[in-house]
Amino acid sequence: MMKSQAKALLTALGLALVLGLATPAMAQEATPINVNTADATLLAELPGIGETKAAAIVEDREANGPFESADDLARVNGIGEMTVEGLADQVTF
């Protein structure tokens, strides 16, 4: 009896962990972030973009005008082609 309860508990914990990790990724796909209106805090939530790159995006946007496509993000220092490709489906303009 004790082994089956332990197995059930481990299964439940594993499922909870998987669902907990999947939820942010699913939410990110469902709600693209507008890089022309988002603040640095929101931009930092994008994969591959931390606080420093998020601040650089805001600074570039203020200095050079709005971004028109994901490719425009490459004009920001520290954002390369691979990052742009990863963000293409997660950002709007």
C-alpha atoms as a PDB file:
ATOM      1  CA  MET A   1       0.000   0.000   0.000  1.00  0.00           C
ATOM      2  CA  MET A   2       2.790   2.411   0.909  1.00  0.00           C
ATOM      3  CA  LYS A   3       4.612   1.858  -2.404  1.00  0.00           C
ATOM      4  CA  SER A   4       1.540   2.645  -4.491  1.00  0.00           C
ATOM      5  CA  GLN A   5       0.900   5.845  -2.525  1.00  0.00           C
ATOM      6  CA  ALA A   6       4.519   6.912  -2.993  1.00  0.00           C
ATOM      7  CA  LYS A   7       4.338   6.154  -6.702  1.00  0.00           C
ATOM      8  CA  ALA A   8       1.113   8.152  -7.039  1.00  0.00           C
ATOM      9  CA  LEU A   9       2.645  11.069  -5.166  1.00  0.00           C
ATOM     10  CA  LEU A  10       5.749  11.067  -7.368  1.00  0.00           C
ATOM     11  CA  THR A  11       3.597  10.915 -10.492  1.00  0.00           C
ATOM     12  CA  ALA A  12       1.501  13.847  -9.279  1.00  0.00           C
ATOM     13  CA  LEU A  13       4.603  15.874  -8.416  1.00  0.00           C
ATOM     14  CA  GLY A  14       6.142  15.140 -11.814  1.00  0.00           C
ATOM     15  CA  LEU A  15       2.987  16.209 -13.607  1.00  0.00           C
ATOM     16  CA  ALA A  16       2.775  19.395 -11.548  1.00  0.00           C
ATOM     17  CA  LEU A  17       6.384  20.206 -12.415  1.00  0.00           C
ATOM     18  CA  VAL A  18       5.841  19.660 -16.132  1.00  0.00           C
ATOM     19  CA  LEU A  19       2.686  21.775 -16.154  1.00  0.00           C
ATOM     20  CA  GLY A  20       4.374  24.499 -14.126  1.00  0.00           C
ATOM     21  CA  LEU A  21       7.234  24.738 -16.610  1.00  0.00           C
ATOM     22  CA  ALA A  22       5.020  24.554 -19.685  1.00  0.00           C
ATOM     23  CA  THR A  23       2.608  27.302 -18.653  1.00  0.00           C
ATOM     24  CA  PRO A  24       4.980  30.295 -19.047  1.00  0.00           C
ATOM     25  CA  ALA A  25       6.116  29.060 -22.463  1.00  0.00           C
ATOM     26  CA  MET A  26       2.544  28.605 -23.604  1.00  0.00           C
ATOM     27  CA  ALA A  27       1.551  32.032 -22.300  1.00  0.00           C
ATOM     28  CA  GLN A  28       4.491  33.615 -24.092  1.00  0.00           C
ATOM     29  CA  GLU A  29       3.386  32.086 -27.414  1.00  0.00           C
ATOM     30  CA  ALA A  30      -0.202  33.214 -26.922  1.00  0.00           C
ATOM     31  CA  THR A  31       0.613  36.834 -26.156  1.00  0.00           C
ATOM     32  CA  PRO A  32       3.303  38.412 -28.348  1.00  0.00           C
ATOM     33  CA  ILE A  33       5.003  41.468 -26.893  1.00  0.00           C
ATOM     34  CA  ASN A  34       4.937  44.711 -28.847  1.00  0.00           C
ATOM     35  CA  VAL A  35       8.551  45.894 -28.836  1.00  0.00           C
ATOM     36  CA  ASN A  36       7.489  49.424 -29.754  1.00  0.00           C
ATOM     37  CA  THR A  37       5.321  49.928 -26.687  1.00  0.00           C
ATOM     38  CA  ALA A  38       6.645  47.502 -24.048  1.00  0.00           C
ATOM     39  CA  ASP A  39       8.794  48.754 -21.202  1.00  0.00           C
ATOM     40  CA  ALA A  40      12.149  47.200 -20.325  1.00  0.00           C
ATOM     41  CA  THR A  41      10.630  45.014 -17.599  1.00  0.00           C
ATOM     42  CA  LEU A  42       8.259  43.326 -20.038  1.00  0.00           C
ATOM     43  CA  LEU A  43      10.906  43.039 -22.776  1.00  0.00           C
ATOM     44  CA  ALA A  44      13.238  41.306 -20.317  1.00  0.00           C
ATOM     45  CA  GLU A  45      10.758  38.404 -20.162  1.00  0.00           C
ATOM     46  CA  LEU A  46      11.503  37.480 -23.772  1.00  0.00           C
ATOM     47  CA  PRO A  47      13.841  34.515 -24.244  1.00  0.00           C
ATOM     48  CA  GLY A  48      17.419  35.620 -24.819  1.00  0.00           C
ATOM     49  CA  ILE A  49      16.643  39.155 -23.641  1.00  0.00           C
ATOM     50  CA  GLY A  50      17.629  40.075 -20.119  1.00  0.00           C
ATOM     51  CA  GLU A  51      17.539  43.389 -18.320  1.00  0.00           C
ATOM     52  CA  THR A  52      20.549  44.813 -20.189  1.00  0.00           C
ATOM     53  CA  LYS A  53      19.300  43.981 -23.692  1.00  0.00           C
ATOM     54  CA  ALA A  54      15.783  45.091 -22.791  1.00  0.00           C
ATOM     55  CA  ALA A  55      17.111  48.488 -21.731  1.00  0.00           C
ATOM     56  CA  ALA A  56      19.128  48.659 -24.956  1.00  0.00           C
ATOM     57  CA  ILE A  57      15.973  47.956 -26.997  1.00  0.00           C
ATOM     58  CA  VAL A  58      14.144  50.823 -25.281  1.00  0.00           C
ATOM     59  CA  GLU A  59      17.124  53.171 -25.753  1.00  0.00           C
ATOM     60  CA  ASP A  60      17.441  52.255 -29.434  1.00  0.00           C
ATOM     61  CA  ARG A  61      13.709  52.702 -29.979  1.00  0.00           C
ATOM     62  CA  GLU A  62      13.824  56.165 -28.391  1.00  0.00           C
ATOM     63  CA  ALA A  63      16.899  57.203 -30.384  1.00  0.00           C
ATOM     64  CA  ASN A  64      16.071  55.673 -33.778  1.00  0.00           C
ATOM     65  CA  GLY A  65      12.312  55.294 -33.895  1.00  0.00           C
ATOM     66  CA  PRO A  66      10.085  52.237 -33.861  1.00  0.00           C
ATOM     67  CA  PHE A  67      11.053  48.775 -35.007  1.00  0.00           C
ATOM     68  CA  GLU A  68       9.237  47.579 -38.122  1.00  0.00           C
ATOM     69  CA  SER A  69      10.190  43.894 -38.006  1.00  0.00           C
ATOM     70  CA  ALA A  70      12.059  41.322 -35.938  1.00  0.00           C
ATOM     71  CA  ASP A  71      15.058  41.846 -38.216  1.00  0.00           C
ATOM     72  CA  ASP A  72      15.272  45.456 -36.987  1.00  0.00           C
ATOM     73  CA  LEU A  73      16.112  44.158 -33.505  1.00  0.00           C
ATOM     74  CA  ALA A  74      19.546  43.197 -34.847  1.00  0.00           C
ATOM     75  CA  ARG A  75      20.413  46.908 -34.850  1.00  0.00           C
ATOM     76  CA  VAL A  76      20.517  46.696 -31.041  1.00  0.00           C
ATOM     77  CA  ASN A  77      23.980  45.954 -29.678  1.00  0.00           C
ATOM     78  CA  GLY A  78      24.110  42.409 -28.312  1.00  0.00           C
ATOM     79  CA  ILE A  79      21.174  41.052 -30.294  1.00  0.00           C
ATOM     80  CA  GLY A  80      22.274  38.756 -33.073  1.00  0.00           C
ATOM     81  CA  GLU A  81      20.653  36.797 -35.844  1.00  0.00           C
ATOM     82  CA  MET A  82      19.952  33.737 -33.680  1.00  0.00           C
ATOM     83  CA  THR A  83      18.165  35.824 -31.047  1.00  0.00           C
ATOM     84  CA  VAL A  84      16.122  37.572 -33.740  1.00  0.00           C
ATOM     85  CA  GLU A  85      15.053  34.213 -35.200  1.00  0.00           C
ATOM     86  CA  GLY A  86      13.998  33.005 -31.755  1.00  0.00           C
ATOM     87  CA  LEU A  87      11.926  36.120 -31.120  1.00  0.00           C
ATOM     88  CA  ALA A  88      10.162  36.357 -34.482  1.00  0.00           C
ATOM     89  CA  ASP A  89       6.985  34.607 -33.281  1.00  0.00           C
ATOM     90  CA  GLN A  90       6.994  36.214 -29.847  1.00  0.00           C
ATOM     91  CA  VAL A  91       7.050  39.902 -30.747  1.00  0.00           C
ATOM     92  CA  THR A  92       4.830  42.338 -32.637  1.00  0.00           C
ATOM     93  CA  PHE A  93       5.398  45.825 -33.985  1.00  0.00           C
END
